[in-house]
């Protein structure tokens, strides 16, 4: 039995192993050829830009508005135009990550690409990192994490619901491919993580504040904790919990807004609809003081110099003085 399973008998562990099922490797870290292969995931794009996600399974037919044999598509170059039985023409491409996620088979809401990029960048996920993912959903972020850590890294996902875990396993197998460095554990992460010394930890939960203790024990000193929550109430509760907790510091929270533009001839304008709020991202760092036995509170920063001393104490600090202006009034000079 796996050591983690022995330590946490309520957890059910899964690994994707070679030979489980035919799968695409479009979103994996392997290099792909230009020609489409059996079991590839492809996007059919019609003349109005509508997208249809399909799998090229040998011996089957692709049905949209009309049909075409999958065998006719296997071996053609990605980026070809094909005609279905009704005469309608479609552009055929392997999906990018941004193409795939809105069409990903799912029961749970996925983290959309506009948030995935900031999650990976502010979470500082790097090749070779060991990453824990708390809450796997449909596996959208899992695929992004596997791509980011590469074959030398490791991703461990915890999911409470078996149906969500099953969907994530299917999606990773179908749209990423073999992932021997991915471990999926079905169980309650609030009971604790089996891993310690991990580099990065992501929580996509209703109450991330309840998991700060187990997260701090799993992360190495200096590691990054990233929380993703949909509502302002959850944002306030999570930040308040981080500020009360002695294990984390450098808390930052934000959201991302995406506005596409319509560009056609002289008509250059924002599209009428935009992907606005989807979730809040909260980033913090694991403090070294948490790991010290009987750790004392962090030292209180020295008081700022009073107006009477003319700021002499600050100027004596030499090169370490922060001269950046960081306030709302500075933006007024932009004239925007």
C-alpha atoms as a PDB file:
ATOM      1  CA  UNK A   1       0.000   0.000   0.000  1.00  0.00           C
ATOM      2  CA  UNK A   2       1.146   3.547  -0.718  1.00  0.00           C
ATOM      3  CA  UNK A   3       2.560   5.239   2.427  1.00  0.00           C
ATOM      4  CA  UNK A   4       0.062   8.078   2.022  1.00  0.00           C
ATOM      5  CA  UNK A   5      -2.801   5.596   1.930  1.00  0.00           C
ATOM      6  CA  UNK A   6      -1.522   3.930   5.085  1.00  0.00           C
ATOM      7  CA  UNK A   7      -1.352   7.258   6.871  1.00  0.00           C
ATOM      8  CA  UNK A   8      -4.782   8.341   5.614  1.00  0.00           C
ATOM      9  CA  UNK A   9      -6.882   5.180   5.186  1.00  0.00           C
ATOM     10  CA  UNK A  10      -9.983   7.228   4.272  1.00  0.00           C
ATOM     11  CA  UNK A  11      -8.238   8.479   1.131  1.00  0.00           C
ATOM     12  CA  UNK A  12      -8.576   6.639  -2.140  1.00  0.00           C
ATOM     13  CA  UNK A  13      -5.558   7.145  -4.429  1.00  0.00           C
ATOM     14  CA  UNK A  14      -5.512   7.093  -8.218  1.00  0.00           C
ATOM     15  CA  UNK A  15      -2.672   7.407 -10.717  1.00  0.00           C
ATOM     16  CA  UNK A  16      -2.891   7.607 -14.478  1.00  0.00           C
ATOM     17  CA  UNK A  17      -0.771   4.772 -15.816  1.00  0.00           C
ATOM     18  CA  UNK A  18       0.220   3.814 -19.361  1.00  0.00           C
ATOM     19  CA  UNK A  19      -2.266   1.615 -21.220  1.00  0.00           C
ATOM     20  CA  UNK A  20      -5.360   2.683 -19.295  1.00  0.00           C
ATOM     21  CA  UNK A  21      -7.218   4.015 -22.327  1.00  0.00           C
ATOM     22  CA  UNK A  22      -6.608   5.665 -25.694  1.00  0.00           C
ATOM     23  CA  UNK A  23      -5.920   9.317 -25.094  1.00  0.00           C
ATOM     24  CA  UNK A  24      -4.900  12.540 -26.779  1.00  0.00           C
ATOM     25  CA  UNK A  25      -1.688  14.288 -25.887  1.00  0.00           C
ATOM     26  CA  UNK A  26      -2.551  17.752 -27.222  1.00  0.00           C
ATOM     27  CA  UNK A  27      -2.122  19.501 -23.875  1.00  0.00           C
ATOM     28  CA  UNK A  28       0.700  17.349 -22.554  1.00  0.00           C
ATOM     29  CA  UNK A  29       4.349  18.373 -22.439  1.00  0.00           C
ATOM     30  CA  UNK A  30       5.207  16.133 -25.406  1.00  0.00           C
ATOM     31  CA  UNK A  31       5.983  17.539 -28.831  1.00  0.00           C
ATOM     32  CA  UNK A  32       3.271  16.965 -31.437  1.00  0.00           C
ATOM     33  CA  UNK A  33       3.389  16.453 -35.181  1.00  0.00           C
ATOM     34  CA  UNK A  34       1.412  18.613 -37.583  1.00  0.00           C
ATOM     35  CA  UNK A  35      -0.707  15.658 -38.709  1.00  0.00           C
ATOM     36  CA  UNK A  36      -3.721  14.612 -36.663  1.00  0.00           C
ATOM     37  CA  UNK A  37      -3.503  11.249 -34.925  1.00  0.00           C
ATOM     38  CA  UNK A  38      -6.047   8.688 -33.693  1.00  0.00           C
ATOM     39  CA  UNK A  39      -7.841   9.755 -30.492  1.00  0.00           C
ATOM     40  CA  UNK A  40      -6.758  13.383 -30.845  1.00  0.00           C
ATOM     41  CA  UNK A  41      -9.078  16.029 -29.470  1.00  0.00           C
ATOM     42  CA  UNK A  42      -9.954  18.553 -32.190  1.00  0.00           C
ATOM     43  CA  UNK A  43     -12.002  21.725 -32.462  1.00  0.00           C
ATOM     44  CA  UNK A  44     -14.299  22.198 -35.473  1.00  0.00           C
ATOM     45  CA  UNK A  45     -14.820  25.914 -36.183  1.00  0.00           C
ATOM     46  CA  UNK A  46     -17.625  27.043 -38.506  1.00  0.00           C
ATOM     47  CA  UNK A  47     -17.771  30.243 -40.564  1.00  0.00           C
ATOM     48  CA  UNK A  48     -19.357  32.135 -37.649  1.00  0.00           C
ATOM     49  CA  UNK A  49     -16.574  31.138 -35.272  1.00  0.00           C
ATOM     50  CA  UNK A  50     -18.645  28.622 -33.322  1.00  0.00           C
ATOM     51  CA  UNK A  51     -16.548  25.814 -31.856  1.00  0.00           C
ATOM     52  CA  UNK A  52     -17.311  22.108 -31.433  1.00  0.00           C
ATOM     53  CA  UNK A  53     -15.003  19.835 -29.422  1.00  0.00           C
ATOM     54  CA  UNK A  54     -14.722  16.299 -30.836  1.00  0.00           C
ATOM     55  CA  UNK A  55     -12.484  13.220 -30.508  1.00  0.00           C
ATOM     56  CA  UNK A  56     -11.012  11.440 -33.536  1.00  0.00           C
ATOM     57  CA  UNK A  57     -11.824   7.856 -32.582  1.00  0.00           C
ATOM     58  CA  UNK A  58     -11.019   5.425 -35.425  1.00  0.00           C
ATOM     59  CA  UNK A  59     -14.042   3.750 -36.964  1.00  0.00           C
ATOM     60  CA  UNK A  60     -16.504   6.412 -35.772  1.00  0.00           C
ATOM     61  CA  UNK A  61     -18.204   9.368 -37.435  1.00  0.00           C
ATOM     62  CA  UNK A  62     -18.054  12.985 -36.300  1.00  0.00           C
ATOM     63  CA  UNK A  63     -21.533  14.522 -36.105  1.00  0.00           C
ATOM     64  CA  UNK A  64     -22.190  18.270 -36.055  1.00  0.00           C
ATOM     65  CA  UNK A  65     -24.503  19.577 -38.783  1.00  0.00           C
ATOM     66  CA  UNK A  66     -23.789  16.740 -41.128  1.00  0.00           C
ATOM     67  CA  UNK A  67     -21.123  14.115 -40.590  1.00  0.00           C
ATOM     68  CA  UNK A  68     -17.647  12.995 -41.601  1.00  0.00           C
ATOM     69  CA  UNK A  69     -15.661   9.863 -40.879  1.00  0.00           C
ATOM     70  CA  UNK A  70     -12.981  10.267 -38.241  1.00  0.00           C
ATOM     71  CA  UNK A  71     -10.739   8.071 -40.401  1.00  0.00           C
ATOM     72  CA  UNK A  72     -10.827  10.734 -43.138  1.00  0.00           C
ATOM     73  CA  UNK A  73      -9.423  13.280 -40.688  1.00  0.00           C
ATOM     74  CA  UNK A  74      -6.688  11.118 -39.182  1.00  0.00           C
ATOM     75  CA  UNK A  75      -3.468  11.914 -41.031  1.00  0.00           C
ATOM     76  CA  UNK A  76      -4.472  15.328 -42.386  1.00  0.00           C
ATOM     77  CA  UNK A  77      -2.592  18.411 -41.242  1.00  0.00           C
ATOM     78  CA  UNK A  78      -3.874  20.454 -38.334  1.00  0.00           C
ATOM     79  CA  UNK A  79      -5.345  23.696 -39.691  1.00  0.00           C
ATOM     80  CA  UNK A  80      -7.047  22.015 -42.668  1.00  0.00           C
ATOM     81  CA  UNK A  81     -10.558  22.845 -43.846  1.00  0.00           C
ATOM     82  CA  UNK A  82     -12.923  19.905 -44.280  1.00  0.00           C
ATOM     83  CA  UNK A  83     -16.394  19.572 -45.760  1.00  0.00           C
ATOM     84  CA  UNK A  84     -19.115  17.607 -43.977  1.00  0.00           C
ATOM     85  CA  UNK A  85     -21.885  15.623 -45.676  1.00  0.00           C
ATOM     86  CA  UNK A  86     -24.168  18.688 -45.835  1.00  0.00           C
ATOM     87  CA  UNK A  87     -21.547  20.683 -47.719  1.00  0.00           C
ATOM     88  CA  UNK A  88     -20.707  22.927 -44.756  1.00  0.00           C
ATOM     89  CA  UNK A  89     -16.991  23.632 -44.316  1.00  0.00           C
ATOM     90  CA  UNK A  90     -15.182  23.628 -40.958  1.00  0.00           C
ATOM     91  CA  UNK A  91     -11.660  24.559 -39.900  1.00  0.00           C
ATOM     92  CA  UNK A  92     -10.089  21.703 -37.883  1.00  0.00           C
ATOM     93  CA  UNK A  93      -7.490  22.438 -35.181  1.00  0.00           C
ATOM     94  CA  UNK A  94      -6.265  20.788 -32.029  1.00  0.00           C
ATOM     95  CA  UNK A  95      -7.633  22.850 -29.117  1.00  0.00           C
ATOM     96  CA  UNK A  96      -5.440  25.209 -27.170  1.00  0.00           C
ATOM     97  CA  UNK A  97      -5.947  25.307 -23.407  1.00  0.00           C
ATOM     98  CA  UNK A  98      -8.168  28.376 -23.855  1.00  0.00           C
ATOM     99  CA  UNK A  99     -10.237  26.504 -26.473  1.00  0.00           C
ATOM    100  CA  UNK A 100     -10.597  23.403 -24.349  1.00  0.00           C
ATOM    101  CA  UNK A 101     -11.674  24.694 -20.960  1.00  0.00           C
ATOM    102  CA  UNK A 102     -15.061  26.235 -21.913  1.00  0.00           C
ATOM    103  CA  UNK A 103     -15.953  22.947 -23.643  1.00  0.00           C
ATOM    104  CA  UNK A 104     -14.535  20.605 -20.990  1.00  0.00           C
ATOM    105  CA  UNK A 105     -17.049  17.927 -19.892  1.00  0.00           C
ATOM    106  CA  UNK A 106     -17.898  18.780 -16.296  1.00  0.00           C
ATOM    107  CA  UNK A 107     -20.332  18.759 -13.411  1.00  0.00           C
ATOM    108  CA  UNK A 108     -18.530  21.416 -11.393  1.00  0.00           C
ATOM    109  CA  UNK A 109     -17.712  24.958 -12.499  1.00  0.00           C
ATOM    110  CA  UNK A 110     -14.228  25.212 -13.984  1.00  0.00           C
ATOM    111  CA  UNK A 111     -11.556  27.858 -13.478  1.00  0.00           C
ATOM    112  CA  UNK A 112     -11.515  29.769 -16.747  1.00  0.00           C
ATOM    113  CA  UNK A 113      -8.343  30.623 -18.698  1.00  0.00           C
ATOM    114  CA  UNK A 114      -8.466  34.306 -17.727  1.00  0.00           C
ATOM    115  CA  UNK A 115      -7.901  33.230 -14.114  1.00  0.00           C
ATOM    116  CA  UNK A 116      -5.649  30.245 -14.815  1.00  0.00           C
ATOM    117  CA  UNK A 117      -2.842  32.438 -16.154  1.00  0.00           C
ATOM    118  CA  UNK A 118      -2.707  34.708 -13.074  1.00  0.00           C
ATOM    119  CA  UNK A 119      -3.041  31.669 -10.789  1.00  0.00           C
ATOM    120  CA  UNK A 120       0.053  30.079 -12.323  1.00  0.00           C
ATOM    121  CA  UNK A 121       2.070  33.306 -12.476  1.00  0.00           C
ATOM    122  CA  UNK A 122       1.219  34.714  -9.024  1.00  0.00           C
ATOM    123  CA  UNK A 123       1.452  31.158  -7.673  1.00  0.00           C
ATOM    124  CA  UNK A 124       4.921  30.989  -9.253  1.00  0.00           C
ATOM    125  CA  UNK A 125       4.524  27.431 -10.526  1.00  0.00           C
ATOM    126  CA  UNK A 126       7.803  26.347 -12.112  1.00  0.00           C
ATOM    127  CA  UNK A 127       9.148  23.233 -13.894  1.00  0.00           C
ATOM    128  CA  UNK A 128      10.061  20.607 -11.323  1.00  0.00           C
ATOM    129  CA  UNK A 129       7.826  22.022  -8.567  1.00  0.00           C
ATOM    130  CA  UNK A 130       5.819  19.856  -6.190  1.00  0.00           C
ATOM    131  CA  UNK A 131       2.278  21.238  -6.074  1.00  0.00           C
ATOM    132  CA  UNK A 132      -0.812  20.316  -4.057  1.00  0.00           C
ATOM    133  CA  UNK A 133      -4.231  21.107  -5.504  1.00  0.00           C
ATOM    134  CA  UNK A 134      -7.112  21.177  -3.015  1.00  0.00           C
ATOM    135  CA  UNK A 135     -10.376  20.660  -4.890  1.00  0.00           C
ATOM    136  CA  UNK A 136      -9.997  19.167  -8.364  1.00  0.00           C
ATOM    137  CA  UNK A 137     -13.418  19.834  -9.927  1.00  0.00           C
ATOM    138  CA  UNK A 138     -13.335  18.845 -13.598  1.00  0.00           C
ATOM    139  CA  UNK A 139      -9.531  18.863 -13.788  1.00  0.00           C
ATOM    140  CA  UNK A 140      -9.102  22.144 -15.682  1.00  0.00           C
ATOM    141  CA  UNK A 141      -6.514  23.593 -13.296  1.00  0.00           C
ATOM    142  CA  UNK A 142      -4.967  20.129 -12.928  1.00  0.00           C
ATOM    143  CA  UNK A 143      -4.092  20.098 -16.631  1.00  0.00           C
ATOM    144  CA  UNK A 144      -2.571  23.579 -16.382  1.00  0.00           C
ATOM    145  CA  UNK A 145      -0.514  22.576 -13.342  1.00  0.00           C
ATOM    146  CA  UNK A 146       0.754  19.403 -15.025  1.00  0.00           C
ATOM    147  CA  UNK A 147       1.887  21.442 -18.015  1.00  0.00           C
ATOM    148  CA  UNK A 148       3.589  24.012 -15.778  1.00  0.00           C
ATOM    149  CA  UNK A 149       5.527  21.591 -13.541  1.00  0.00           C
ATOM    150  CA  UNK A 150       6.620  19.422 -16.468  1.00  0.00           C
ATOM    151  CA  UNK A 151       7.730  15.817 -16.303  1.00  0.00           C
ATOM    152  CA  UNK A 152      10.199  16.592 -13.482  1.00  0.00           C
ATOM    153  CA  UNK A 153       7.505  18.062 -11.238  1.00  0.00           C
ATOM    154  CA  UNK A 154       4.692  16.517  -9.285  1.00  0.00           C
ATOM    155  CA  UNK A 155       1.003  17.374  -8.773  1.00  0.00           C
ATOM    156  CA  UNK A 156      -1.067  15.924  -5.924  1.00  0.00           C
ATOM    157  CA  UNK A 157      -4.807  16.622  -6.067  1.00  0.00           C
ATOM    158  CA  UNK A 158      -7.270  16.198  -3.196  1.00  0.00           C
ATOM    159  CA  UNK A 159     -10.998  15.921  -3.923  1.00  0.00           C
ATOM    160  CA  UNK A 160     -13.841  15.138  -1.534  1.00  0.00           C
ATOM    161  CA  UNK A 161     -16.401  13.987  -4.112  1.00  0.00           C
ATOM    162  CA  UNK A 162     -15.850  10.780  -6.030  1.00  0.00           C
ATOM    163  CA  UNK A 163     -17.968  11.940  -8.996  1.00  0.00           C
ATOM    164  CA  UNK A 164     -15.792  15.033  -9.419  1.00  0.00           C
ATOM    165  CA  UNK A 165     -12.656  12.909  -9.099  1.00  0.00           C
ATOM    166  CA  UNK A 166     -13.929  10.495 -11.747  1.00  0.00           C
ATOM    167  CA  UNK A 167     -14.637  13.378 -14.142  1.00  0.00           C
ATOM    168  CA  UNK A 168     -11.171  14.817 -13.561  1.00  0.00           C
ATOM    169  CA  UNK A 169      -9.539  11.434 -14.249  1.00  0.00           C
ATOM    170  CA  UNK A 170     -11.428  11.141 -17.534  1.00  0.00           C
ATOM    171  CA  UNK A 171     -10.601  14.671 -18.636  1.00  0.00           C
ATOM    172  CA  UNK A 172      -6.903  14.449 -17.804  1.00  0.00           C
ATOM    173  CA  UNK A 173      -6.644  11.099 -19.595  1.00  0.00           C
ATOM    174  CA  UNK A 174      -8.557  12.334 -22.643  1.00  0.00           C
ATOM    175  CA  UNK A 175      -7.150  15.838 -23.044  1.00  0.00           C
ATOM    176  CA  UNK A 176      -3.703  15.712 -21.434  1.00  0.00           C
ATOM    177  CA  UNK A 177      -2.522  12.130 -21.725  1.00  0.00           C
ATOM    178  CA  UNK A 178      -0.344   9.994 -19.523  1.00  0.00           C
ATOM    179  CA  UNK A 179       0.459  11.715 -16.231  1.00  0.00           C
ATOM    180  CA  UNK A 180       2.534   9.386 -14.042  1.00  0.00           C
ATOM    181  CA  UNK A 181       3.526  12.393 -11.918  1.00  0.00           C
ATOM    182  CA  UNK A 182      -0.115  13.102 -10.959  1.00  0.00           C
ATOM    183  CA  UNK A 183      -1.705  11.575  -7.861  1.00  0.00           C
ATOM    184  CA  UNK A 184      -5.429  12.033  -7.149  1.00  0.00           C
ATOM    185  CA  UNK A 185      -6.659  11.385  -3.615  1.00  0.00           C
ATOM    186  CA  UNK A 186     -10.344  11.133  -2.747  1.00  0.00           C
ATOM    187  CA  UNK A 187     -10.894  12.295   0.822  1.00  0.00           C
ATOM    188  CA  UNK A 188     -11.332  15.235   3.168  1.00  0.00           C
ATOM    189  CA  UNK A 189      -8.311  17.533   2.924  1.00  0.00           C
ATOM    190  CA  UNK A 190      -9.359  19.315   6.133  1.00  0.00           C
ATOM    191  CA  UNK A 191      -8.096  16.173   7.898  1.00  0.00           C
ATOM    192  CA  UNK A 192      -4.606  17.030   6.663  1.00  0.00           C
ATOM    193  CA  UNK A 193      -2.232  16.512   3.756  1.00  0.00           C
ATOM    194  CA  UNK A 194       0.111  13.529   3.758  1.00  0.00           C
ATOM    195  CA  UNK A 195       2.825  15.568   2.023  1.00  0.00           C
ATOM    196  CA  UNK A 196       5.234  18.028   3.626  1.00  0.00           C
ATOM    197  CA  UNK A 197       7.787  20.435   2.186  1.00  0.00           C
ATOM    198  CA  UNK A 198       5.772  21.121  -0.977  1.00  0.00           C
ATOM    199  CA  UNK A 199       6.533  24.219  -3.048  1.00  0.00           C
ATOM    200  CA  UNK A 200       3.063  25.486  -3.952  1.00  0.00           C
ATOM    201  CA  UNK A 201      -0.472  24.832  -2.719  1.00  0.00           C
ATOM    202  CA  UNK A 202      -3.763  25.795  -4.396  1.00  0.00           C
ATOM    203  CA  UNK A 203      -7.135  25.774  -2.614  1.00  0.00           C
ATOM    204  CA  UNK A 204     -10.374  25.944  -4.618  1.00  0.00           C
ATOM    205  CA  UNK A 205     -12.751  25.508  -1.692  1.00  0.00           C
ATOM    206  CA  UNK A 206     -15.764  27.209  -0.142  1.00  0.00           C
ATOM    207  CA  UNK A 207     -13.861  27.874   3.113  1.00  0.00           C
ATOM    208  CA  UNK A 208     -10.104  28.074   2.495  1.00  0.00           C
ATOM    209  CA  UNK A 209      -9.636  29.688   5.911  1.00  0.00           C
ATOM    210  CA  UNK A 210     -10.461  26.384   7.591  1.00  0.00           C
ATOM    211  CA  UNK A 211      -7.530  24.714   5.798  1.00  0.00           C
ATOM    212  CA  UNK A 212      -4.769  27.159   6.722  1.00  0.00           C
ATOM    213  CA  UNK A 213      -3.378  24.951   9.478  1.00  0.00           C
ATOM    214  CA  UNK A 214      -3.031  21.868   7.288  1.00  0.00           C
ATOM    215  CA  UNK A 215      -1.766  24.021   4.416  1.00  0.00           C
ATOM    216  CA  UNK A 216       0.981  25.535   6.576  1.00  0.00           C
ATOM    217  CA  UNK A 217       2.139  22.092   7.681  1.00  0.00           C
ATOM    218  CA  UNK A 218       2.307  20.891   4.058  1.00  0.00           C
ATOM    219  CA  UNK A 219       4.125  23.910   2.598  1.00  0.00           C
ATOM    220  CA  UNK A 220       7.824  24.553   2.942  1.00  0.00           C
ATOM    221  CA  UNK A 221       8.987  27.867   4.349  1.00  0.00           C
ATOM    222  CA  UNK A 222       8.637  30.504   1.654  1.00  0.00           C
ATOM    223  CA  UNK A 223       6.128  28.382  -0.266  1.00  0.00           C
ATOM    224  CA  UNK A 224       3.161  30.016  -1.971  1.00  0.00           C
ATOM    225  CA  UNK A 225      -0.470  29.464  -0.982  1.00  0.00           C
ATOM    226  CA  UNK A 226      -3.082  30.469  -3.561  1.00  0.00           C
ATOM    227  CA  UNK A 227      -6.810  30.502  -2.757  1.00  0.00           C
ATOM    228  CA  UNK A 228      -9.600  30.902  -5.311  1.00  0.00           C
ATOM    229  CA  UNK A 229     -13.095  31.936  -4.166  1.00  0.00           C
ATOM    230  CA  UNK A 230     -16.121  33.276  -6.091  1.00  0.00           C
ATOM    231  CA  UNK A 231     -17.770  35.738  -3.669  1.00  0.00           C
ATOM    232  CA  UNK A 232     -16.754  38.902  -1.846  1.00  0.00           C
ATOM    233  CA  UNK A 233     -17.845  37.397   1.488  1.00  0.00           C
ATOM    234  CA  UNK A 234     -15.507  34.438   0.953  1.00  0.00           C
ATOM    235  CA  UNK A 235     -12.745  36.852  -0.042  1.00  0.00           C
ATOM    236  CA  UNK A 236     -13.160  38.848   3.185  1.00  0.00           C
ATOM    237  CA  UNK A 237     -13.323  35.720   5.339  1.00  0.00           C
ATOM    238  CA  UNK A 238     -10.229  34.185   3.728  1.00  0.00           C
ATOM    239  CA  UNK A 239      -8.086  37.327   4.005  1.00  0.00           C
ATOM    240  CA  UNK A 240      -9.180  37.810   7.623  1.00  0.00           C
ATOM    241  CA  UNK A 241      -8.224  34.207   8.416  1.00  0.00           C
ATOM    242  CA  UNK A 242      -4.811  34.666   6.795  1.00  0.00           C
ATOM    243  CA  UNK A 243      -4.189  37.849   8.761  1.00  0.00           C
ATOM    244  CA  UNK A 244      -5.114  36.121  12.041  1.00  0.00           C
ATOM    245  CA  UNK A 245      -2.977  33.084  11.262  1.00  0.00           C
ATOM    246  CA  UNK A 246       0.682  33.163  12.247  1.00  0.00           C
ATOM    247  CA  UNK A 247       1.818  30.944   9.410  1.00  0.00           C
ATOM    248  CA  UNK A 248       1.331  33.268   6.440  1.00  0.00           C
ATOM    249  CA  UNK A 249       2.256  36.764   5.323  1.00  0.00           C
ATOM    250  CA  UNK A 250       2.458  39.009   2.246  1.00  0.00           C
ATOM    251  CA  UNK A 251      -1.258  38.567   1.547  1.00  0.00           C
ATOM    252  CA  UNK A 252      -2.473  39.925  -1.795  1.00  0.00           C
ATOM    253  CA  UNK A 253      -5.935  39.643  -3.357  1.00  0.00           C
ATOM    254  CA  UNK A 254      -7.305  40.606  -6.769  1.00  0.00           C
ATOM    255  CA  UNK A 255      -9.584  39.605  -9.636  1.00  0.00           C
ATOM    256  CA  UNK A 256      -9.116  39.641 -13.404  1.00  0.00           C
ATOM    257  CA  UNK A 257     -11.475  41.084 -16.012  1.00  0.00           C
ATOM    258  CA  UNK A 258     -11.353  40.122 -19.684  1.00  0.00           C
ATOM    259  CA  UNK A 259     -12.855  42.290 -22.440  1.00  0.00           C
ATOM    260  CA  UNK A 260     -12.580  41.100 -26.037  1.00  0.00           C
ATOM    261  CA  UNK A 261     -12.752  43.454 -28.987  1.00  0.00           C
ATOM    262  CA  UNK A 262     -14.693  43.235 -32.244  1.00  0.00           C
ATOM    263  CA  UNK A 263     -12.373  44.178 -35.115  1.00  0.00           C
ATOM    264  CA  UNK A 264     -13.895  44.057 -38.588  1.00  0.00           C
ATOM    265  CA  UNK A 265     -13.163  46.728 -41.147  1.00  0.00           C
ATOM    266  CA  UNK A 266     -14.065  50.140 -39.732  1.00  0.00           C
ATOM    267  CA  UNK A 267     -15.961  48.537 -36.850  1.00  0.00           C
ATOM    268  CA  UNK A 268     -13.413  48.445 -34.043  1.00  0.00           C
ATOM    269  CA  UNK A 269     -15.078  48.366 -30.637  1.00  0.00           C
ATOM    270  CA  UNK A 270     -15.413  46.267 -27.483  1.00  0.00           C
ATOM    271  CA  UNK A 271     -17.714  43.283 -27.833  1.00  0.00           C
ATOM    272  CA  UNK A 272     -21.160  43.757 -26.351  1.00  0.00           C
ATOM    273  CA  UNK A 273     -20.616  41.085 -23.720  1.00  0.00           C
ATOM    274  CA  UNK A 274     -17.514  40.466 -21.613  1.00  0.00           C
ATOM    275  CA  UNK A 275     -16.245  37.873 -19.183  1.00  0.00           C
ATOM    276  CA  UNK A 276     -16.236  40.020 -16.073  1.00  0.00           C
ATOM    277  CA  UNK A 277     -16.171  38.619 -12.534  1.00  0.00           C
ATOM    278  CA  UNK A 278     -15.534  34.915 -12.104  1.00  0.00           C
ATOM    279  CA  UNK A 279     -13.524  34.653  -8.888  1.00  0.00           C
ATOM    280  CA  UNK A 280     -11.075  36.262  -6.479  1.00  0.00           C
ATOM    281  CA  UNK A 281      -7.443  35.167  -6.251  1.00  0.00           C
ATOM    282  CA  UNK A 282      -5.717  35.395  -2.862  1.00  0.00           C
ATOM    283  CA  UNK A 283      -1.955  34.854  -2.697  1.00  0.00           C
ATOM    284  CA  UNK A 284       0.177  34.534   0.445  1.00  0.00           C
ATOM    285  CA  UNK A 285       3.569  33.204   1.533  1.00  0.00           C
ATOM    286  CA  UNK A 286       4.342  30.576   4.156  1.00  0.00           C
ATOM    287  CA  UNK A 287       6.460  32.145   6.903  1.00  0.00           C
ATOM    288  CA  UNK A 288       9.528  30.455   8.368  1.00  0.00           C
ATOM    289  CA  UNK A 289       8.531  31.415  11.925  1.00  0.00           C
ATOM    290  CA  UNK A 290       5.653  28.946  11.766  1.00  0.00           C
ATOM    291  CA  UNK A 291       8.020  25.978  11.604  1.00  0.00           C
ATOM    292  CA  UNK A 292      10.106  26.978  14.596  1.00  0.00           C
ATOM    293  CA  UNK A 293       9.380  25.129  17.823  1.00  0.00           C
ATOM    294  CA  UNK A 294       7.650  27.490  20.208  1.00  0.00           C
ATOM    295  CA  UNK A 295       7.896  30.209  17.598  1.00  0.00           C
ATOM    296  CA  UNK A 296       7.465  33.711  18.896  1.00  0.00           C
ATOM    297  CA  UNK A 297       5.446  36.345  17.034  1.00  0.00           C
ATOM    298  CA  UNK A 298       7.286  38.117  14.265  1.00  0.00           C
ATOM    299  CA  UNK A 299       9.107  41.284  15.383  1.00  0.00           C
ATOM    300  CA  UNK A 300       7.056  44.451  15.210  1.00  0.00           C
ATOM    301  CA  UNK A 301       8.390  46.872  12.550  1.00  0.00           C
ATOM    302  CA  UNK A 302      10.104  49.968  13.911  1.00  0.00           C
ATOM    303  CA  UNK A 303       7.904  53.033  14.184  1.00  0.00           C
ATOM    304  CA  UNK A 304       8.082  55.555  11.377  1.00  0.00           C
ATOM    305  CA  UNK A 305      10.084  58.713  12.145  1.00  0.00           C
ATOM    306  CA  UNK A 306       8.063  61.584  13.520  1.00  0.00           C
ATOM    307  CA  UNK A 307       7.757  64.825  11.557  1.00  0.00           C
ATOM    308  CA  UNK A 308      10.038  66.502  14.130  1.00  0.00           C
ATOM    309  CA  UNK A 309      13.109  64.502  13.131  1.00  0.00           C
ATOM    310  CA  UNK A 310      12.713  65.432   9.491  1.00  0.00           C
ATOM    311  CA  UNK A 311      12.776  61.833   8.408  1.00  0.00           C
ATOM    312  CA  UNK A 312      16.478  61.549   9.258  1.00  0.00           C
ATOM    313  CA  UNK A 313      16.154  57.941  10.381  1.00  0.00           C
ATOM    314  CA  UNK A 314      14.663  56.981   7.056  1.00  0.00           C
ATOM    315  CA  UNK A 315      17.307  58.765   4.998  1.00  0.00           C
ATOM    316  CA  UNK A 316      20.068  57.038   6.974  1.00  0.00           C
ATOM    317  CA  UNK A 317      18.938  53.682   5.665  1.00  0.00           C
ATOM    318  CA  UNK A 318      20.720  54.343   2.380  1.00  0.00           C
ATOM    319  CA  UNK A 319      19.994  52.019  -0.554  1.00  0.00           C
ATOM    320  CA  UNK A 320      17.267  50.106   1.326  1.00  0.00           C
ATOM    321  CA  UNK A 321      14.872  53.057   1.317  1.00  0.00           C
ATOM    322  CA  UNK A 322      11.737  52.374  -0.737  1.00  0.00           C
ATOM    323  CA  UNK A 323      11.173  55.486  -2.822  1.00  0.00           C
ATOM    324  CA  UNK A 324       8.295  54.093  -4.913  1.00  0.00           C
ATOM    325  CA  UNK A 325       5.056  56.037  -4.793  1.00  0.00           C
ATOM    326  CA  UNK A 326       2.153  53.707  -4.118  1.00  0.00           C
ATOM    327  CA  UNK A 327      -1.056  55.622  -3.575  1.00  0.00           C
ATOM    328  CA  UNK A 328      -4.150  56.555  -5.479  1.00  0.00           C
ATOM    329  CA  UNK A 329      -3.180  60.222  -5.768  1.00  0.00           C
ATOM    330  CA  UNK A 330      -0.174  59.361  -7.943  1.00  0.00           C
ATOM    331  CA  UNK A 331      -2.540  58.092 -10.630  1.00  0.00           C
ATOM    332  CA  UNK A 332      -4.108  61.535 -10.994  1.00  0.00           C
ATOM    333  CA  UNK A 333      -1.075  62.753 -12.937  1.00  0.00           C
ATOM    334  CA  UNK A 334      -1.885  60.402 -15.788  1.00  0.00           C
ATOM    335  CA  UNK A 335      -4.822  62.550 -16.812  1.00  0.00           C
ATOM    336  CA  UNK A 336      -7.042  59.467 -17.258  1.00  0.00           C
END
